[in-house]
Amino acid sequence: MMCVSEITDAWKNIQVSAKNQKFYKLVYINSKTKIRASIKRDENLKAIEFIFPKSFFSKQNFSFKETKGLKVTIESEAGYENELIICIYLKTENFLDIYLNLIEKIINYIFDSSDFEKNIQIIFDKLISWRRCFENDDQFILSFSEQIGLFGELTYIEKLFINKVSAEEILTSWKGPDGGLHDFLLQNNIYEVKSFLNKNKKIRISNIEQLNYKIYKNLYLVCVELEESNIGLNVSNLVQKIKAEIFSKKYNANKFEDKLSSYGYFEYQSNKYTRSFLVKNIFEYFVTQDFPTILPENLLAGIEDVSFNLDIKFIENHIKKI
Protein backbone atom coordinates (compact mmCIF):
# COMPACT_ATOMS: atom_id res chain seq x y z
CA MET A 1 0.00 0.00 0.00
CA MET A 2 1.23 3.49 -0.86
CA CYS A 3 1.46 6.18 1.79
CA VAL A 4 -0.37 9.35 0.74
CA SER A 5 1.85 11.43 3.04
CA GLU A 6 4.38 11.43 0.18
CA ILE A 7 1.84 13.47 -1.80
CA THR A 8 0.99 15.94 0.97
CA ASP A 9 4.70 16.35 1.83
CA ALA A 10 5.49 17.03 -1.83
CA TRP A 11 2.82 19.72 -2.02
CA LYS A 12 4.27 21.37 1.10
CA ASN A 13 7.80 21.26 -0.30
CA ILE A 14 7.00 22.60 -3.75
CA GLN A 15 8.44 26.10 -4.04
CA VAL A 16 6.03 28.38 -5.88
CA SER A 17 7.39 31.55 -7.46
CA ALA A 18 5.86 34.29 -9.57
CA LYS A 19 7.64 33.23 -12.74
CA ASN A 20 5.92 29.98 -13.69
CA GLN A 21 2.33 28.79 -13.76
CA LYS A 22 2.84 25.21 -12.59
CA PHE A 23 5.29 23.60 -10.17
CA TYR A 24 5.73 19.90 -9.62
CA LYS A 25 7.72 17.21 -7.86
CA LEU A 26 8.08 13.56 -8.85
CA VAL A 27 6.62 11.15 -6.30
CA TYR A 28 6.66 7.35 -5.94
CA ILE A 29 9.79 7.16 -8.09
CA ASN A 30 9.70 3.33 -8.18
CA SER A 31 6.34 3.34 -9.93
CA LYS A 32 6.33 2.03 -13.50
CA THR A 33 4.16 5.05 -14.39
CA LYS A 34 5.67 8.48 -13.79
CA ILE A 35 3.71 10.34 -11.13
CA ARG A 36 3.98 14.00 -10.11
CA ALA A 37 2.49 16.13 -7.37
CA SER A 38 1.88 19.64 -8.69
CA ILE A 39 0.53 23.06 -7.83
CA LYS A 40 -0.97 25.36 -10.44
CA ARG A 41 -0.19 28.81 -9.12
CA ASP A 42 -2.58 30.97 -11.15
CA GLU A 43 -5.64 28.92 -10.11
CA ASN A 44 -4.28 27.78 -6.74
CA LEU A 45 -4.99 24.15 -7.62
CA LYS A 46 -3.24 21.06 -6.30
CA ALA A 47 -3.00 18.00 -8.51
CA ILE A 48 -1.60 14.54 -9.00
CA GLU A 49 -0.41 13.88 -12.52
CA PHE A 50 0.22 10.63 -14.40
CA ILE A 51 2.53 10.75 -17.41
CA PHE A 52 2.24 8.32 -20.33
CA PRO A 53 3.65 8.02 -23.87
CA LYS A 54 1.34 9.68 -26.40
CA SER A 55 0.95 6.47 -28.39
CA PHE A 56 -1.14 4.89 -25.65
CA PHE A 57 -3.82 7.57 -26.03
CA SER A 58 -4.30 7.15 -29.78
CA LYS A 59 -7.11 4.57 -29.62
CA GLN A 60 -8.88 5.95 -26.58
CA ASN A 61 -11.29 8.83 -26.14
CA PHE A 62 -11.61 9.98 -22.55
CA SER A 63 -13.73 12.68 -21.03
CA PHE A 64 -14.62 13.58 -17.46
CA LYS A 65 -17.31 16.09 -16.59
CA GLU A 66 -15.96 18.56 -14.05
CA THR A 67 -17.51 18.42 -10.57
CA LYS A 68 -17.52 20.72 -7.58
CA GLY A 69 -14.44 19.04 -6.17
CA LEU A 70 -12.59 17.54 -9.13
CA LYS A 71 -11.26 18.62 -12.51
CA VAL A 72 -9.48 16.28 -14.93
CA THR A 73 -7.53 17.31 -18.02
CA ILE A 74 -5.11 15.70 -20.46
CA GLU A 75 -2.26 18.11 -21.08
CA SER A 76 0.96 18.43 -23.08
CA GLU A 77 4.01 20.21 -21.75
CA ALA A 78 7.39 21.48 -22.92
CA GLY A 79 10.03 18.85 -22.24
CA TYR A 80 7.44 16.07 -22.55
CA GLU A 81 6.87 16.28 -26.30
CA ASN A 82 6.31 12.53 -26.71
CA GLU A 83 4.08 12.22 -23.66
CA LEU A 84 0.69 13.32 -22.38
CA ILE A 85 -0.19 14.07 -18.79
CA ILE A 86 -3.41 13.13 -17.01
CA CYS A 87 -3.90 15.91 -14.46
CA ILE A 88 -6.33 15.28 -11.62
CA TYR A 89 -6.97 18.63 -9.94
CA LEU A 90 -8.37 19.07 -6.43
CA LYS A 91 -10.61 22.12 -6.71
CA THR A 92 -11.32 22.67 -3.01
CA GLU A 93 -9.78 21.43 0.23
CA ASN A 94 -13.25 20.30 1.37
CA PHE A 95 -12.69 17.16 -0.70
CA LEU A 96 -9.06 16.53 0.32
CA ASP A 97 -9.66 13.30 2.26
CA ILE A 98 -11.81 11.80 -0.50
CA TYR A 99 -9.28 12.93 -3.11
CA LEU A 100 -6.37 11.27 -1.33
CA ASN A 101 -8.36 8.05 -0.95
CA LEU A 102 -9.09 8.02 -4.68
CA ILE A 103 -5.47 8.73 -5.61
CA GLU A 104 -4.24 6.03 -3.24
CA LYS A 105 -6.54 3.49 -4.94
CA ILE A 106 -5.33 4.48 -8.40
CA ILE A 107 -1.65 4.33 -7.49
CA ASN A 108 -1.99 0.95 -5.79
CA TYR A 109 -3.60 -0.43 -8.93
CA ILE A 110 -1.00 0.79 -11.44
CA PHE A 111 2.22 1.02 -9.41
CA ASP A 112 3.81 -2.24 -10.61
CA SER A 113 2.21 -2.38 -14.06
CA SER A 114 4.00 -1.56 -17.32
CA ASP A 115 0.80 -1.99 -19.31
CA PHE A 116 0.28 1.73 -19.88
CA GLU A 117 -2.86 1.37 -21.96
CA LYS A 118 -4.48 -0.63 -19.18
CA ASN A 119 -3.20 1.85 -16.56
CA ILE A 120 -4.83 4.75 -18.40
CA GLN A 121 -8.11 2.85 -18.54
CA ILE A 122 -7.91 2.06 -14.82
CA ILE A 123 -7.39 5.75 -13.99
CA PHE A 124 -10.48 6.83 -15.90
CA ASP A 125 -12.58 3.91 -14.67
CA LYS A 126 -11.75 4.91 -11.09
CA LEU A 127 -12.50 8.58 -11.79
CA ILE A 128 -15.89 7.71 -13.23
CA SER A 129 -16.86 5.34 -10.40
CA TRP A 130 -15.82 7.89 -7.75
CA ARG A 131 -17.25 10.94 -9.53
CA ARG A 132 -20.40 11.19 -7.41
CA CYS A 133 -18.24 11.65 -4.27
CA PHE A 134 -17.04 14.98 -5.64
CA GLU A 135 -20.39 16.44 -6.71
CA ASN A 136 -21.25 18.20 -3.46
CA ASP A 137 -19.82 18.85 -0.01
CA ASP A 138 -22.20 16.43 1.70
CA GLN A 139 -20.63 13.05 2.31
CA PHE A 140 -22.68 10.80 0.06
CA ILE A 141 -23.46 7.37 1.45
CA LEU A 142 -25.96 4.71 0.46
CA SER A 143 -29.54 5.36 1.46
CA PHE A 144 -31.14 3.04 4.00
CA SER A 145 -32.97 1.08 1.29
CA GLU A 146 -29.74 0.80 -0.71
CA GLN A 147 -27.97 -0.52 2.37
CA ILE A 148 -30.65 -3.18 2.77
CA GLY A 149 -30.28 -4.14 -0.90
CA LEU A 150 -26.49 -4.37 -0.75
CA PHE A 151 -26.62 -6.30 2.53
CA GLY A 152 -28.84 -8.89 0.85
CA GLU A 153 -26.49 -9.35 -2.11
CA LEU A 154 -23.48 -9.65 0.20
CA THR A 155 -25.36 -12.24 2.26
CA TYR A 156 -26.03 -14.24 -0.89
CA ILE A 157 -22.32 -14.04 -1.78
CA GLU A 158 -21.58 -15.69 1.56
CA LYS A 159 -24.17 -18.38 0.81
CA LEU A 160 -22.61 -19.08 -2.60
CA PHE A 161 -19.17 -19.42 -1.04
CA ILE A 162 -20.49 -21.83 1.59
CA ASN A 163 -21.96 -23.84 -1.30
CA LYS A 164 -18.45 -24.21 -2.79
CA VAL A 165 -18.66 -21.54 -5.46
CA SER A 166 -15.15 -20.10 -5.84
CA ALA A 167 -14.33 -16.47 -5.09
CA GLU A 168 -13.39 -15.88 -8.72
CA GLU A 169 -16.63 -17.39 -10.00
CA ILE A 170 -18.67 -15.32 -7.56
CA LEU A 171 -17.08 -12.10 -8.78
CA THR A 172 -17.61 -13.05 -12.42
CA SER A 173 -21.24 -14.02 -11.82
CA TRP A 174 -22.11 -10.87 -9.80
CA LYS A 175 -23.70 -8.72 -12.52
CA GLY A 176 -25.76 -6.26 -10.46
CA PRO A 177 -22.95 -3.72 -9.89
CA ASP A 178 -22.15 -3.78 -13.60
CA GLY A 179 -25.63 -2.57 -14.49
CA GLY A 180 -27.03 -6.03 -15.17
CA LEU A 181 -30.78 -6.57 -15.11
CA HIS A 182 -30.27 -9.45 -12.67
CA ASP A 183 -27.85 -9.71 -9.77
CA PHE A 184 -26.17 -13.06 -10.47
CA LEU A 185 -25.73 -15.20 -13.57
CA LEU A 186 -24.31 -18.54 -12.48
CA GLN A 187 -24.08 -21.82 -14.40
CA ASN A 188 -26.96 -20.89 -16.75
CA ASN A 189 -29.14 -19.91 -13.80
CA ILE A 190 -30.31 -16.37 -13.17
CA TYR A 191 -30.69 -15.05 -9.62
CA GLU A 192 -32.40 -11.81 -8.65
CA VAL A 193 -31.77 -10.94 -4.99
CA LYS A 194 -34.28 -8.87 -3.03
CA SER A 195 -34.01 -7.95 0.64
CA PHE A 196 -36.77 -6.96 3.03
CA LEU A 197 -37.19 -6.22 6.71
CA ASN A 198 -39.11 -8.89 8.62
CA LYS A 199 -41.66 -6.32 9.80
CA ASN A 200 -42.53 -5.47 6.21
CA LYS A 201 -42.72 -8.80 4.29
CA LYS A 202 -42.80 -7.05 0.93
CA ILE A 203 -40.20 -6.69 -1.79
CA ARG A 204 -39.95 -4.04 -4.46
CA ILE A 205 -39.74 -5.00 -8.14
CA SER A 206 -38.46 -1.87 -9.86
CA ASN A 207 -38.22 -3.37 -13.35
CA ILE A 208 -40.83 -5.89 -14.47
CA GLU A 209 -38.33 -7.50 -16.85
CA GLN A 210 -36.56 -8.90 -13.78
CA LEU A 211 -39.35 -11.48 -13.31
CA ASN A 212 -40.11 -12.07 -16.98
CA TYR A 213 -40.03 -15.88 -16.98
CA LYS A 214 -41.04 -16.03 -20.66
CA ILE A 215 -37.78 -14.41 -21.70
CA TYR A 216 -35.46 -15.63 -18.94
CA LYS A 217 -35.36 -19.36 -18.24
CA ASN A 218 -34.01 -20.90 -15.03
CA LEU A 219 -34.93 -17.68 -13.24
CA TYR A 220 -34.83 -17.57 -9.46
CA LEU A 221 -35.93 -14.91 -7.01
CA VAL A 222 -33.83 -14.93 -3.84
CA CYS A 223 -35.37 -13.15 -0.87
CA VAL A 224 -33.23 -12.23 2.12
CA GLU A 225 -35.23 -11.51 5.26
CA LEU A 226 -33.46 -9.05 7.58
CA GLU A 227 -34.12 -7.72 11.05
CA GLU A 228 -32.69 -4.40 12.13
CA SER A 229 -30.77 -5.12 15.32
CA ASN A 230 -27.94 -3.59 17.35
CA ILE A 231 -26.37 -7.02 17.74
CA GLY A 232 -26.13 -7.58 13.99
CA LEU A 233 -23.66 -6.40 11.37
CA ASN A 234 -23.78 -3.17 9.45
CA VAL A 235 -22.89 -2.99 5.75
CA SER A 236 -19.26 -2.06 6.49
CA ASN A 237 -18.87 -4.94 8.95
CA LEU A 238 -20.17 -7.38 6.35
CA VAL A 239 -17.94 -5.96 3.62
CA GLN A 240 -14.84 -6.39 5.80
CA LYS A 241 -15.90 -9.90 6.82
CA ILE A 242 -16.34 -10.97 3.20
CA LYS A 243 -13.03 -9.40 2.15
CA ALA A 244 -11.21 -11.31 4.90
CA GLU A 245 -12.96 -14.65 4.42
CA ILE A 246 -13.67 -14.79 0.67
CA PHE A 247 -11.80 -12.13 -1.26
CA SER A 248 -8.49 -12.05 0.62
CA LYS A 249 -6.33 -12.32 -2.51
CA LYS A 250 -5.25 -8.89 -3.78
CA TYR A 251 -6.80 -9.26 -7.25
CA ASN A 252 -10.11 -10.48 -5.83
CA ALA A 253 -10.13 -7.75 -3.16
CA ASN A 254 -9.58 -5.07 -5.81
CA LYS A 255 -12.31 -6.52 -8.02
CA PHE A 256 -14.66 -6.66 -5.04
CA GLU A 257 -13.96 -3.01 -4.21
CA ASP A 258 -14.61 -2.07 -7.84
CA LYS A 259 -18.01 -3.77 -7.70
CA LEU A 260 -18.86 -1.99 -4.44
CA SER A 261 -17.83 1.41 -5.78
CA SER A 262 -20.14 0.90 -8.76
CA TYR A 263 -22.96 0.71 -6.20
CA GLY A 264 -21.72 3.83 -4.42
CA TYR A 265 -20.07 2.13 -1.45
CA PHE A 266 -16.57 3.39 -0.62
CA GLU A 267 -14.37 2.08 2.16
CA TYR A 268 -13.28 5.53 3.37
CA GLN A 269 -16.90 6.14 4.41
CA SER A 270 -17.20 2.87 6.31
CA ASN A 271 -17.65 4.52 9.72
CA LYS A 272 -20.79 6.30 8.47
CA TYR A 273 -22.74 3.03 8.18
CA THR A 274 -24.18 2.45 11.65
CA ARG A 275 -27.48 0.63 11.10
CA SER A 276 -27.10 -3.10 11.69
CA PHE A 277 -28.99 -6.20 10.59
CA LEU A 278 -29.46 -9.85 11.43
CA VAL A 279 -30.23 -12.35 8.65
CA LYS A 280 -33.39 -14.20 9.62
CA ASN A 281 -33.97 -16.30 6.51
CA ILE A 282 -32.91 -16.76 2.90
CA PHE A 283 -35.54 -18.12 0.53
CA GLU A 284 -35.25 -19.11 -3.09
CA TYR A 285 -38.22 -19.10 -5.47
CA PHE A 286 -38.39 -20.58 -8.95
CA VAL A 287 -40.11 -18.02 -11.18
CA THR A 288 -42.45 -19.96 -13.47
CA GLN A 289 -45.73 -19.48 -15.31
CA ASP A 290 -47.92 -19.31 -12.20
CA PHE A 291 -45.62 -16.93 -10.32
CA PRO A 292 -47.35 -13.62 -9.46
CA THR A 293 -45.75 -10.97 -11.60
CA ILE A 294 -46.51 -8.44 -14.34
CA LEU A 295 -45.36 -9.28 -17.85
CA PRO A 296 -44.55 -6.53 -20.36
CA GLU A 297 -46.71 -8.18 -23.01
CA ASN A 298 -49.79 -7.67 -20.82
CA LEU A 299 -49.42 -3.90 -20.59
CA LEU A 300 -51.60 -1.67 -22.71
CA ALA A 301 -49.95 0.77 -25.08
CA GLY A 302 -48.72 3.88 -23.31
CA ILE A 303 -48.08 2.25 -19.93
CA GLU A 304 -44.38 2.61 -19.09
CA ASP A 305 -41.91 2.44 -16.19
CA VAL A 306 -43.97 -0.06 -14.24
CA SER A 307 -42.87 -1.18 -10.78
CA PHE A 308 -44.72 -2.98 -8.00
CA ASN A 309 -44.51 -4.42 -4.50
CA LEU A 310 -44.76 -8.17 -4.02
CA ASP A 311 -46.18 -9.59 -0.78
CA ILE A 312 -44.06 -12.56 0.31
CA LYS A 313 -47.00 -14.58 1.62
CA PHE A 314 -48.44 -14.89 -1.89
CA ILE A 315 -45.39 -16.76 -3.22
CA GLU A 316 -44.95 -19.24 -0.38
CA ASN A 317 -45.97 -22.18 -2.58
CA HIS A 318 -42.94 -21.45 -4.78
CA ILE A 319 -40.49 -21.50 -1.92
CA LYS A 320 -37.40 -23.61 -1.53
CA LYS A 321 -35.52 -22.86 1.67
CA ILE A 322 -31.73 -22.86 1.22
Foldseek 3Di string as FASTA:
>chain_A
DDDLVQLVVQVVPWDDDPPDQKTWDWPLVQFLWTKIWMAGPVLRKTKIKTKDFPVLCPVDDDDDDDAQFWDWDWADDPVNNRIIMIIIIGNDCLCVVVVSVLVVLLCVVRRHDNPVNVSVVSNRLSCVLCVVCRHDSDRDDDDPQLQQALVQLLVVLVVVVVVVDALVQQLVQQCVLVVDPAGGCHPLATEHEFEDEPVPQKTKFQDQVLLACVVRPNYKYKYWYKHWDQPAAGSLRSLVVCCVPHVVDPVSNSSSQSSVSSSVDDNVCSVVTRTGIDTDFMKMFGRDDPDDGDDPVPDDPPDDRDMDMDRNVVRVVRIDGD
